[in-house]
PDB file of N, CA and C in Angstrom:
ATOM      1  N   UNK A   1      21.977 164.924  92.908  1.00  0.00           N
ATOM      2  CA  UNK A   1      21.590 165.351  91.557  1.00  0.00           C
ATOM      3  C   UNK A   1      20.990 167.076  91.255  1.00  0.00           C
ATOM      4  N   UNK A   2      21.711 168.020  90.772  1.00  0.00           N
ATOM      5  CA  UNK A   2      21.359 169.182  90.714  1.00  0.00           C
ATOM      6  C   UNK A   2      19.796 169.300  90.393  1.00  0.00           C
ATOM      7  N   UNK A   3      18.758 170.145  91.131  1.00  0.00           N
ATOM      8  CA  UNK A   3      17.029 169.925  90.663  1.00  0.00           C
ATOM      9  C   UNK A   3      17.307 170.076  89.273  1.00  0.00           C
ATOM     10  N   UNK A   4      17.783 170.951  88.434  1.00  0.00           N
ATOM     11  CA  UNK A   4      17.201 170.974  86.945  1.00  0.00           C
ATOM     12  C   UNK A   4      17.492 169.836  86.385  1.00  0.00           C
ATOM     13  N   UNK A   5      18.440 168.749  87.043  1.00  0.00           N
ATOM     14  CA  UNK A   5      18.480 167.576  86.513  1.00  0.00           C
ATOM     15  C   UNK A   5      17.419 166.745  86.617  1.00  0.00           C
ATOM     16  N   UNK A   6      16.761 166.898  87.829  1.00  0.00           N
ATOM     17  CA  UNK A   6      15.455 166.420  88.311  1.00  0.00           C
ATOM     18  C   UNK A   6      14.416 166.578  87.421  1.00  0.00           C
ATOM     19  N   UNK A   7      14.282 167.746  87.421  1.00  0.00           N
ATOM     20  CA  UNK A   7      13.186 168.397  86.302  1.00  0.00           C
ATOM     21  C   UNK A   7      12.955 168.140  85.102  1.00  0.00           C
ATOM     22  N   UNK A   8      14.351 167.748  84.475  1.00  0.00           N
ATOM     23  CA  UNK A   8      14.315 167.444  83.447  1.00  0.00           C
ATOM     24  C   UNK A   8      14.025 165.785  83.200  1.00  0.00           C
ATOM     25  N   UNK A   9      14.772 164.773  84.139  1.00  0.00           N
ATOM     26  CA  UNK A   9      14.068 163.638  84.115  1.00  0.00           C
ATOM     27  C   UNK A   9      12.665 163.414  84.657  1.00  0.00           C
ATOM     28  N   UNK A  10      12.123 164.326  85.446  1.00  0.00           N
ATOM     29  CA  UNK A  10      10.675 164.438  85.331  1.00  0.00           C
ATOM     30  C   UNK A  10      10.029 164.562  84.389  1.00  0.00           C
ATOM     31  N   UNK A  11      10.153 165.696  83.595  1.00  0.00           N
ATOM     32  CA  UNK A  11       9.710 165.908  82.529  1.00  0.00           C
ATOM     33  C   UNK A  11       9.499 164.752  81.276  1.00  0.00           C
ATOM     34  N   UNK A  12      10.766 164.344  81.107  1.00  0.00           N
ATOM     35  CA  UNK A  12      11.001 163.389  80.402  1.00  0.00           C
ATOM     36  C   UNK A  12      10.383 161.995  80.656  1.00  0.00           C
ATOM     37  N   UNK A  13      10.326 161.371  82.206  1.00  0.00           N
ATOM     38  CA  UNK A  13       9.620 160.331  82.034  1.00  0.00           C
ATOM     39  C   UNK A  13       8.094 160.997  82.183  1.00  0.00           C
ATOM     40  N   UNK A  14       7.629 161.738  82.236  1.00  0.00           N
ATOM     41  CA  UNK A  14       6.351 162.003  82.058  1.00  0.00           C
ATOM     42  C   UNK A  14       5.708 161.902  80.614  1.00  0.00           C
ATOM     43  N   UNK A  15       6.557 162.801  79.943  1.00  0.00           N
ATOM     44  CA  UNK A  15       6.483 162.452  78.192  1.00  0.00           C
ATOM     45  C   UNK A  15       6.528 161.231  77.632  1.00  0.00           C
ATOM     46  N   UNK A  16       7.342 160.102  78.442  1.00  0.00           N
ATOM     47  CA  UNK A  16       7.602 159.042  77.540  1.00  0.00           C
ATOM     48  C   UNK A  16       6.581 158.022  78.397  1.00  0.00           C
ATOM     49  N   UNK A  17       5.717 158.599  78.960  1.00  0.00           N
ATOM     50  CA  UNK A  17       4.238 157.935  79.497  1.00  0.00           C
ATOM     51  C   UNK A  17       5.027 156.855  80.642  1.00  0.00           C
ATOM     52  N   UNK A  18       6.271 157.130  81.277  1.00  0.00           N
ATOM     53  CA  UNK A  18       6.910 156.279  82.754  1.00  0.00           C
ATOM     54  C   UNK A  18       6.243 156.568  83.891  1.00  0.00           C
ATOM     55  N   UNK A  19       6.078 157.854  83.801  1.00  0.00           N
ATOM     56  CA  UNK A  19       5.012 157.949  85.192  1.00  0.00           C
ATOM     57  C   UNK A  19       3.961 158.759  84.959  1.00  0.00           C
ATOM     58  N   UNK A  20       2.551 158.533  85.572  1.00  0.00           N
ATOM     59  CA  UNK A  20       1.744 159.460  85.120  1.00  0.00           C
ATOM     60  C   UNK A  20       1.748 160.854  85.974  1.00  0.00           C
ATOM     61  N   UNK A  21       0.649 161.677  85.201  1.00  0.00           N
ATOM     62  CA  UNK A  21       0.470 163.289  85.638  1.00  0.00           C
ATOM     63  C   UNK A  21       0.458 163.403  87.314  1.00  0.00           C
ATOM     64  N   UNK A  22      -0.169 162.798  87.758  1.00  0.00           N
ATOM     65  CA  UNK A  22       0.180 162.668  89.167  1.00  0.00           C
ATOM     66  C   UNK A  22       0.769 162.348  89.852  1.00  0.00           C
ATOM     67  N   UNK A  23       1.902 161.124  89.473  1.00  0.00           N
ATOM     68  CA  UNK A  23       2.996 161.305  89.931  1.00  0.00           C
ATOM     69  C   UNK A  23       4.138 162.180  89.785  1.00  0.00           C
ATOM     70  N   UNK A  24       4.216 162.665  88.545  1.00  0.00           N
ATOM     71  CA  UNK A  24       5.159 163.878  87.987  1.00  0.00           C
ATOM     72  C   UNK A  24       4.644 164.886  89.082  1.00  0.00           C
ATOM     73  N   UNK A  25       3.488 165.073  89.371  1.00  0.00           N
ATOM     74  CA  UNK A  25       3.133 166.349  90.210  1.00  0.00           C
ATOM     75  C   UNK A  25       3.357 166.418  91.589  1.00  0.00           C
ATOM     76  N   UNK A  26       3.478 165.045  92.172  1.00  0.00           N
ATOM     77  CA  UNK A  26       3.741 165.191  93.161  1.00  0.00           C
ATOM     78  C   UNK A  26       5.268 164.980  93.400  1.00  0.00           C
ATOM     79  N   UNK A  27       6.105 164.737  92.294  1.00  0.00           N
ATOM     80  CA  UNK A  27       7.056 164.551  92.545  1.00  0.00           C
ATOM     81  C   UNK A  27       7.666 165.717  92.359  1.00  0.00           C
ATOM     82  N   UNK A  28       7.315 167.030  91.542  1.00  0.00           N
ATOM     83  CA  UNK A  28       7.818 168.031  91.708  1.00  0.00           C
ATOM     84  C   UNK A  28       7.436 168.839  92.864  1.00  0.00           C
ATOM     85  N   UNK A  29       6.051 168.716  93.850  1.00  0.00           N
ATOM     86  CA  UNK A  29       6.220 169.294  95.140  1.00  0.00           C
ATOM     87  C   UNK A  29       7.205 168.912  95.782  1.00  0.00           C
ATOM     88  N   UNK A  30       7.062 167.421  95.793  1.00  0.00           N
ATOM     89  CA  UNK A  30       8.616 166.700  96.819  1.00  0.00           C
ATOM     90  C   UNK A  30       9.628 167.635  96.592  1.00  0.00           C
ATOM     91  N   UNK A  31      10.057 167.763  95.438  1.00  0.00           N
ATOM     92  CA  UNK A  31      11.510 168.613  95.335  1.00  0.00           C
ATOM     93  C   UNK A  31      11.291 169.697  95.796  1.00  0.00           C
ATOM     94  N   UNK A  32      10.188 171.019  95.453  1.00  0.00           N
ATOM     95  CA  UNK A  32      10.186 171.861  95.730  1.00  0.00           C
ATOM     96  C   UNK A  32      10.114 172.068  97.410  1.00  0.00           C
ATOM     97  N   UNK A  33       9.366 171.179  98.227  1.00  0.00           N
ATOM     98  CA  UNK A  33       9.506 170.914  99.744  1.00  0.00           C
ATOM     99  C   UNK A  33      10.871 170.747  99.955  1.00  0.00           C
ATOM    100  N   UNK A  34      11.518 169.832  99.314  1.00  0.00           N
ATOM    101  CA  UNK A  34      13.159 169.373  99.861  1.00  0.00           C
ATOM    102  C   UNK A  34      13.521 170.529  99.569  1.00  0.00           C
ATOM    103  N   UNK A  35      13.435 171.185  98.256  1.00  0.00           N
ATOM    104  CA  UNK A  35      14.303 172.677  98.220  1.00  0.00           C
ATOM    105  C   UNK A  35      14.013 173.646  99.413  1.00  0.00           C
ATOM    106  N   UNK A  36      12.842 173.742  99.731  1.00  0.00           N
ATOM    107  CA  UNK A  36      12.255 174.954 100.744  1.00  0.00           C
ATOM    108  C   UNK A  36      13.377 174.721 102.289  1.00  0.00           C
ATOM    109  N   UNK A  37      13.370 173.129 102.425  1.00  0.00           N
ATOM    110  CA  UNK A  37      14.106 172.695 103.642  1.00  0.00           C
ATOM    111  C   UNK A  37      15.715 173.039 103.386  1.00  0.00           C
ATOM    112  N   UNK A  38      16.393 172.949 102.141  1.00  0.00           N
ATOM    113  CA  UNK A  38      17.875 172.612 102.023  1.00  0.00           C
ATOM    114  C   UNK A  38      18.276 174.365 101.918  1.00  0.00           C
ATOM    115  N   UNK A  39      17.449 175.188 101.444  1.00  0.00           N
ATOM    116  CA  UNK A  39      17.523 176.411 101.378  1.00  0.00           C
ATOM    117  C   UNK A  39      17.705 177.277 102.252  1.00  0.00           C
ATOM    118  N   UNK A  40      16.805 176.581 103.664  1.00  0.00           N
ATOM    119  CA  UNK A  40      16.573 177.769 104.952  1.00  0.00           C
ATOM    120  C   UNK A  40      16.486 177.009 106.112  1.00  0.00           C
ATOM    121  N   UNK A  41      17.572 176.705 106.871  1.00  0.00           N
ATOM    122  CA  UNK A  41      17.768 176.020 108.080  1.00  0.00           C
ATOM    123  C   UNK A  41      16.518 176.042 109.096  1.00  0.00           C
ATOM    124  N   UNK A  42      15.769 176.799 108.991  1.00  0.00           N
ATOM    125  CA  UNK A  42      14.999 177.167 109.758  1.00  0.00           C
ATOM    126  C   UNK A  42      13.253 176.949 109.552  1.00  0.00           C
ATOM    127  N   UNK A  43      13.263 176.178 108.437  1.00  0.00           N
ATOM    128  CA  UNK A  43      12.140 175.614 107.470  1.00  0.00           C
ATOM    129  C   UNK A  43      11.840 174.584 108.817  1.00  0.00           C
ATOM    130  N   UNK A  44      10.482 174.591 108.970  1.00  0.00           N
ATOM    131  CA  UNK A  44       9.742 173.176 109.068  1.00  0.00           C
ATOM    132  C   UNK A  44       8.714 172.823 108.786  1.00  0.00           C
ATOM    133  N   UNK A  45       7.706 171.768 109.251  1.00  0.00           N
ATOM    134  CA  UNK A  45       6.737 171.336 108.290  1.00  0.00           C
ATOM    135  C   UNK A  45       5.334 172.074 108.771  1.00  0.00           C
ATOM    136  N   UNK A  46       5.881 173.151 109.651  1.00  0.00           N
ATOM    137  CA  UNK A  46       4.909 173.957 110.144  1.00  0.00           C
ATOM    138  C   UNK A  46       4.903 175.514 109.301  1.00  0.00           C
ATOM    139  N   UNK A  47       6.054 175.550 108.516  1.00  0.00           N
ATOM    140  CA  UNK A  47       6.190 176.363 107.638  1.00  0.00           C
ATOM    141  C   UNK A  47       5.159 176.849 106.559  1.00  0.00           C
ATOM    142  N   UNK A  48       4.717 178.046 106.552  1.00  0.00           N
ATOM    143  CA  UNK A  48       3.441 178.332 105.414  1.00  0.00           C
ATOM    144  C   UNK A  48       4.136 177.957 104.019  1.00  0.00           C
ATOM    145  N   UNK A  49       5.015 178.009 103.569  1.00  0.00           N
ATOM    146  CA  UNK A  49       5.367 177.462 102.006  1.00  0.00           C
ATOM    147  C   UNK A  49       5.155 176.094 102.004  1.00  0.00           C
ATOM    148  N   UNK A  50       5.927 175.191 103.109  1.00  0.00           N
ATOM    149  CA  UNK A  50       5.877 173.813 103.067  1.00  0.00           C
ATOM    150  C   UNK A  50       4.352 173.502 103.109  1.00  0.00           C
ATOM    151  N   UNK A  51       3.720 173.706 104.161  1.00  0.00           N
ATOM    152  CA  UNK A  51       2.253 173.675 104.749  1.00  0.00           C
ATOM    153  C   UNK A  51       1.702 173.522 103.463  1.00  0.00           C
ATOM    154  N   UNK A  52       1.432 174.741 102.868  1.00  0.00           N
ATOM    155  CA  UNK A  52       0.632 175.075 101.553  1.00  0.00           C
ATOM    156  C   UNK A  52       1.100 174.034 100.189  1.00  0.00           C
ATOM    157  N   UNK A  53       2.435 173.744 100.416  1.00  0.00           N
ATOM    158  CA  UNK A  53       2.863 172.342  98.992  1.00  0.00           C
ATOM    159  C   UNK A  53       2.073 171.318  99.486  1.00  0.00           C
ATOM    160  N   UNK A  54       2.371 170.708 101.002  1.00  0.00           N
ATOM    161  CA  UNK A  54       1.743 169.562 100.803  1.00  0.00           C
ATOM    162  C   UNK A  54       0.311 169.420 100.994  1.00  0.00           C
ATOM    163  N   UNK A  55      -0.174 170.598 101.129  1.00  0.00           N
ATOM    164  CA  UNK A  55      -1.799 170.438 101.026  1.00  0.00           C
ATOM    165  C   UNK A  55      -2.214 170.493  99.571  1.00  0.00           C
ATOM    166  N   UNK A  56      -1.194 170.631  98.345  1.00  0.00           N
ATOM    167  CA  UNK A  56      -1.745 170.463  97.172  1.00  0.00           C
ATOM    168  C   UNK A  56      -0.884 169.148  96.783  1.00  0.00           C
ATOM    169  N   UNK A  57      -0.318 168.014  97.236  1.00  0.00           N
ATOM    170  CA  UNK A  57      -0.257 167.055  97.404  1.00  0.00           C
ATOM    171  C   UNK A  57      -1.117 166.128  96.936  1.00  0.00           C
ATOM    172  N   UNK A  58      -1.268 165.245  95.780  1.00  0.00           N
ATOM    173  CA  UNK A  58      -2.438 164.295  95.214  1.00  0.00           C
ATOM    174  C   UNK A  58      -2.246 163.072  96.269  1.00  0.00           C
ATOM    175  N   UNK A  59      -1.032 162.775  96.411  1.00  0.00           N
ATOM    176  CA  UNK A  59      -0.860 160.986  96.704  1.00  0.00           C
ATOM    177  C   UNK A  59      -0.929 161.220  98.135  1.00  0.00           C
ATOM    178  N   UNK A  60      -1.299 162.117  99.285  1.00  0.00           N
ATOM    179  CA  UNK A  60      -1.106 162.434 100.457  1.00  0.00           C
ATOM    180  C   UNK A  60      -2.028 161.183 101.072  1.00  0.00           C
ATOM    181  N   UNK A  61      -2.432 161.510 102.561  1.00  0.00           N
ATOM    182  CA  UNK A  61      -3.640 161.117 103.277  1.00  0.00           C
ATOM    183  C   UNK A  61      -4.278 162.015 103.354  1.00  0.00           C
ATOM    184  N   UNK A  62      -5.610 161.851 103.455  1.00  0.00           N
ATOM    185  CA  UNK A  62      -6.530 162.893 104.053  1.00  0.00           C
ATOM    186  C   UNK A  62      -7.134 162.315 105.237  1.00  0.00           C
ATOM    187  N   UNK A  63      -7.726 163.634 105.873  1.00  0.00           N
ATOM    188  CA  UNK A  63      -8.486 163.770 107.077  1.00  0.00           C
ATOM    189  C   UNK A  63      -9.274 162.715 106.543  1.00  0.00           C
ATOM    190  N   UNK A  64      -9.506 162.106 108.399  1.00  0.00           N
ATOM    191  CA  UNK A  64     -10.958 161.265 108.229  1.00  0.00           C
ATOM    192  C   UNK A  64     -11.615 161.079 109.853  1.00  0.00           C
ATOM    193  N   UNK A  65     -12.296 160.452 109.831  1.00  0.00           N
ATOM    194  CA  UNK A  65     -13.171 159.970 110.786  1.00  0.00           C
ATOM    195  C   UNK A  65     -12.932 158.684 111.467  1.00  0.00           C
ATOM    196  N   UNK A  66     -12.517 158.511 112.817  1.00  0.00           N
ATOM    197  CA  UNK A  66     -12.441 156.929 113.148  1.00  0.00           C
ATOM    198  C   UNK A  66     -13.351 156.746 114.353  1.00  0.00           C
ATOM    199  N   UNK A  67     -14.069 155.928 114.493  1.00  0.00           N
ATOM    200  CA  UNK A  67     -15.018 155.563 115.492  1.00  0.00           C
ATOM    201  C   UNK A  67     -14.273 155.700 117.350  1.00  0.00           C
ATOM    202  N   UNK A  68     -13.613 155.550 117.563  1.00  0.00           N
ATOM    203  CA  UNK A  68     -12.877 155.573 118.338  1.00  0.00           C
ATOM    204  C   UNK A  68     -11.944 157.080 118.783  1.00  0.00           C
ATOM    205  N   UNK A  69     -11.183 157.200 117.871  1.00  0.00           N
ATOM    206  CA  UNK A  69     -10.610 158.369 117.883  1.00  0.00           C
ATOM    207  C   UNK A  69     -11.296 159.655 117.500  1.00  0.00           C
ATOM    208  N   UNK A  70     -12.396 159.809 116.787  1.00  0.00           N
ATOM    209  CA  UNK A  70     -12.961 160.773 116.399  1.00  0.00           C
ATOM    210  C   UNK A  70     -12.484 161.183 115.061  1.00  0.00           C
ATOM    211  N   UNK A  71     -12.028 162.614 114.997  1.00  0.00           N
ATOM    212  CA  UNK A  71     -11.903 163.256 113.630  1.00  0.00           C
ATOM    213  C   UNK A  71     -10.298 163.235 113.654  1.00  0.00           C
ATOM    214  N   UNK A  72      -9.763 162.752 112.904  1.00  0.00           N
ATOM    215  CA  UNK A  72      -8.242 162.826 112.913  1.00  0.00           C
ATOM    216  C   UNK A  72      -7.858 163.780 111.635  1.00  0.00           C
ATOM    217  N   UNK A  73      -6.810 164.462 112.000  1.00  0.00           N
ATOM    218  CA  UNK A  73      -6.085 165.590 111.131  1.00  0.00           C
ATOM    219  C   UNK A  73      -4.736 165.165 110.945  1.00  0.00           C
ATOM    220  N   UNK A  74      -4.704 164.863 109.316  1.00  0.00           N
ATOM    221  CA  UNK A  74      -3.520 164.783 109.250  1.00  0.00           C
ATOM    222  C   UNK A  74      -2.590 165.877 108.526  1.00  0.00           C
ATOM    223  N   UNK A  75      -1.581 166.570 109.243  1.00  0.00           N
ATOM    224  CA  UNK A  75      -0.470 167.533 109.382  1.00  0.00           C
ATOM    225  C   UNK A  75       0.025 167.110 108.236  1.00  0.00           C
ATOM    226  N   UNK A  76       0.672 168.590 107.778  1.00  0.00           N
ATOM    227  CA  UNK A  76       2.034 168.499 106.677  1.00  0.00           C
ATOM    228  C   UNK A  76       2.977 167.563 106.719  1.00  0.00           C
ATOM    229  N   UNK A  77       3.154 167.118 108.092  1.00  0.00           N
ATOM    230  CA  UNK A  77       4.034 165.921 108.022  1.00  0.00           C
ATOM    231  C   UNK A  77       3.793 164.802 107.370  1.00  0.00           C
ATOM    232  N   UNK A  78       2.940 164.288 108.275  1.00  0.00           N
ATOM    233  CA  UNK A  78       1.925 163.323 107.764  1.00  0.00           C
ATOM    234  C   UNK A  78       1.386 163.172 105.938  1.00  0.00           C
ATOM    235  N   UNK A  79       1.292 164.334 105.445  1.00  0.00           N
ATOM    236  CA  UNK A  79       0.979 164.299 104.199  1.00  0.00           C
ATOM    237  C   UNK A  79       2.202 164.209 103.177  1.00  0.00           C
ATOM    238  N   UNK A  80       3.002 164.707 103.502  1.00  0.00           N
ATOM    239  CA  UNK A  80       4.454 164.675 103.000  1.00  0.00           C
ATOM    240  C   UNK A  80       5.046 162.947 102.759  1.00  0.00           C
ATOM    241  N   UNK A  81       4.804 162.502 104.186  1.00  0.00           N
ATOM    242  CA  UNK A  81       5.367 161.250 104.345  1.00  0.00           C
ATOM    243  C   UNK A  81       4.290 160.001 103.729  1.00  0.00           C
ATOM    244  N   UNK A  82       3.172 160.300 103.833  1.00  0.00           N
ATOM    245  CA  UNK A  82       2.255 159.301 102.856  1.00  0.00           C
ATOM    246  C   UNK A  82       2.460 159.416 101.497  1.00  0.00           C
ATOM    247  N   UNK A  83       2.583 160.702 101.162  1.00  0.00           N
ATOM    248  CA  UNK A  83       2.502 160.816  99.549  1.00  0.00           C
ATOM    249  C   UNK A  83       3.726 160.175  98.944  1.00  0.00           C
ATOM    250  N   UNK A  84       4.992 160.671  99.780  1.00  0.00           N
ATOM    251  CA  UNK A  84       6.377 159.987  99.755  1.00  0.00           C
ATOM    252  C   UNK A  84       6.251 158.616  99.556  1.00  0.00           C
ATOM    253  N   UNK A  85       5.797 157.925 100.533  1.00  0.00           N
ATOM    254  CA  UNK A  85       5.851 156.647 100.581  1.00  0.00           C
ATOM    255  C   UNK A  85       4.894 155.883  99.261  1.00  0.00           C
ATOM    256  N   UNK A  86       3.672 156.558  98.966  1.00  0.00           N
ATOM    257  CA  UNK A  86       2.738 155.969  97.928  1.00  0.00           C
ATOM    258  C   UNK A  86       3.876 156.187  96.565  1.00  0.00           C
ATOM    259  N   UNK A  87       4.601 157.480  95.960  1.00  0.00           N
ATOM    260  CA  UNK A  87       5.398 157.388  95.251  1.00  0.00           C
ATOM    261  C   UNK A  87       6.298 156.213  95.201  1.00  0.00           C
ATOM    262  N   UNK A  88       7.231 156.192  96.687  1.00  0.00           N
ATOM    263  CA  UNK A  88       8.213 154.539  96.386  1.00  0.00           C
ATOM    264  C   UNK A  88       7.518 153.526  96.076  1.00  0.00           C
ATOM    265  N   UNK A  89       6.274 153.440  96.800  1.00  0.00           N
ATOM    266  CA  UNK A  89       5.447 151.968  96.167  1.00  0.00           C
ATOM    267  C   UNK A  89       5.220 151.757  94.729  1.00  0.00           C
ATOM    268  N   UNK A  90       4.599 152.678  94.467  1.00  0.00           N
ATOM    269  CA  UNK A  90       4.167 152.592  92.753  1.00  0.00           C
ATOM    270  C   UNK A  90       5.549 152.329  92.030  1.00  0.00           C
ATOM    271  N   UNK A  91       6.356 153.338  92.284  1.00  0.00           N
ATOM    272  CA  UNK A  91       7.709 153.399  91.410  1.00  0.00           C
ATOM    273  C   UNK A  91       8.983 152.434  91.577  1.00  0.00           C
ATOM    274  N   UNK A  92       8.421 151.490  92.917  1.00  0.00           N
ATOM    275  CA  UNK A  92       9.571 150.711  92.828  1.00  0.00           C
ATOM    276  C   UNK A  92       9.406 149.738  92.020  1.00  0.00           C
ATOM    277  N   UNK A  93       8.277 148.977  91.623  1.00  0.00           N
ATOM    278  CA  UNK A  93       8.622 148.095  90.374  1.00  0.00           C
ATOM    279  C   UNK A  93       8.292 148.274  88.972  1.00  0.00           C
ATOM    280  N   UNK A  94       8.353 149.733  88.850  1.00  0.00           N
ATOM    281  CA  UNK A  94       7.828 150.348  87.475  1.00  0.00           C
ATOM    282  C   UNK A  94       8.882 149.993  86.614  1.00  0.00           C
ATOM    283  N   UNK A  95      10.313 149.751  86.563  1.00  0.00           N
ATOM    284  CA  UNK A  95      10.951 149.115  85.475  1.00  0.00           C
ATOM    285  C   UNK A  95      10.502 147.721  85.316  1.00  0.00           C
ATOM    286  N   UNK A  96      10.136 146.929  86.112  1.00  0.00           N
ATOM    287  CA  UNK A  96       9.645 145.563  85.492  1.00  0.00           C
ATOM    288  C   UNK A  96       8.312 145.646  84.789  1.00  0.00           C
ATOM    289  N   UNK A  97       7.640 146.705  84.849  1.00  0.00           N
ATOM    290  CA  UNK A  97       6.384 146.639  83.971  1.00  0.00           C
ATOM    291  C   UNK A  97       6.469 147.370  82.990  1.00  0.00           C
ATOM    292  N   UNK A  98       7.955 148.209  82.936  1.00  0.00           N
ATOM    293  CA  UNK A  98       7.766 149.469  81.591  1.00  0.00           C
ATOM    294  C   UNK A  98       9.122 148.009  80.749  1.00  0.00           C
ATOM    295  N   UNK A  99       9.528 147.295  81.372  1.00  0.00           N
ATOM    296  CA  UNK A  99      10.332 146.248  80.623  1.00  0.00           C
ATOM    297  C   UNK A  99       9.124 145.276  79.802  1.00  0.00           C
ATOM    298  N   UNK A 100       7.983 144.937  80.646  1.00  0.00           N
ATOM    299  CA  UNK A 100       7.240 144.070  79.846  1.00  0.00           C
ATOM    300  C   UNK A 100       6.755 144.438  78.633  1.00  0.00           C
ATOM    301  N   UNK A 101       6.648 145.886  78.501  1.00  0.00           N
ATOM    302  CA  UNK A 101       5.858 146.754  77.524  1.00  0.00           C
ATOM    303  C   UNK A 101       6.880 147.154  76.710  1.00  0.00           C
ATOM    304  N   UNK A 102       7.971 146.620  76.686  1.00  0.00           N
ATOM    305  CA  UNK A 102       9.241 147.186  75.859  1.00  0.00           C
ATOM    306  C   UNK A 102       8.896 147.601  74.334  1.00  0.00           C
ATOM    307  N   UNK A 103       8.981 148.590  73.892  1.00  0.00           N
ATOM    308  CA  UNK A 103       8.919 148.707  72.501  1.00  0.00           C
ATOM    309  C   UNK A 103       9.826 148.560  71.690  1.00  0.00           C
ATOM    310  N   UNK A 104       9.360 148.531  70.277  1.00  0.00           N
ATOM    311  CA  UNK A 104      10.214 148.166  69.248  1.00  0.00           C
ATOM    312  C   UNK A 104      10.846 149.504  68.540  1.00  0.00           C
ATOM    313  N   UNK A 105      11.999 149.564  68.346  1.00  0.00           N
ATOM    314  CA  UNK A 105      12.705 151.235  67.861  1.00  0.00           C
ATOM    315  C   UNK A 105      11.977 150.887  65.849  1.00  0.00           C
ATOM    316  N   UNK A 106      11.804 151.973  65.515  1.00  0.00           N
ATOM    317  CA  UNK A 106      11.575 151.947  63.566  1.00  0.00           C
ATOM    318  C   UNK A 106      11.753 152.977  63.215  1.00  0.00           C
ATOM    319  N   UNK A 107      12.022 152.762  62.081  1.00  0.00           N
ATOM    320  CA  UNK A 107      12.007 154.323  61.251  1.00  0.00           C
ATOM    321  C   UNK A 107      10.974 155.267  61.175  1.00  0.00           C
ATOM    322  N   UNK A 108      11.341 156.353  61.454  1.00  0.00           N
ATOM    323  CA  UNK A 108      10.107 157.100  61.420  1.00  0.00           C
ATOM    324  C   UNK A 108      10.264 157.798  59.691  1.00  0.00           C
ATOM    325  N   UNK A 109       9.509 158.289  59.633  1.00  0.00           N
ATOM    326  CA  UNK A 109       9.405 158.920  57.968  1.00  0.00           C
ATOM    327  C   UNK A 109       9.640 160.449  58.565  1.00  0.00           C
ATOM    328  N   UNK A 110      10.599 161.049  57.363  1.00  0.00           N
ATOM    329  CA  UNK A 110      11.281 162.458  57.270  1.00  0.00           C
ATOM    330  C   UNK A 110      11.026 162.992  56.167  1.00  0.00           C
TER     331      UNK A 110
END
């Protein structure tokens, strides 16, 4: 699917309330990270553009402290992976929930 189709679908789903602002935000960032990899063969999760975008993900895992391991830093690859998995988990059953709240069409004043 071309990137502009994804952008329109993301905007439409957001406008219709099918996805949250946070989900729309992270979906857009994931699209941009994917484009970084698609357009430059030398892109890695250590590339500045990718690292900066991964930092902006809202549904990512954050750094934390563990009793045994001490301070654990989540790198850009981990941030990307956890945000993507979180989105997949949230959106997997979304059609079922949307169907349960199905709205009826109506005549609008004109």
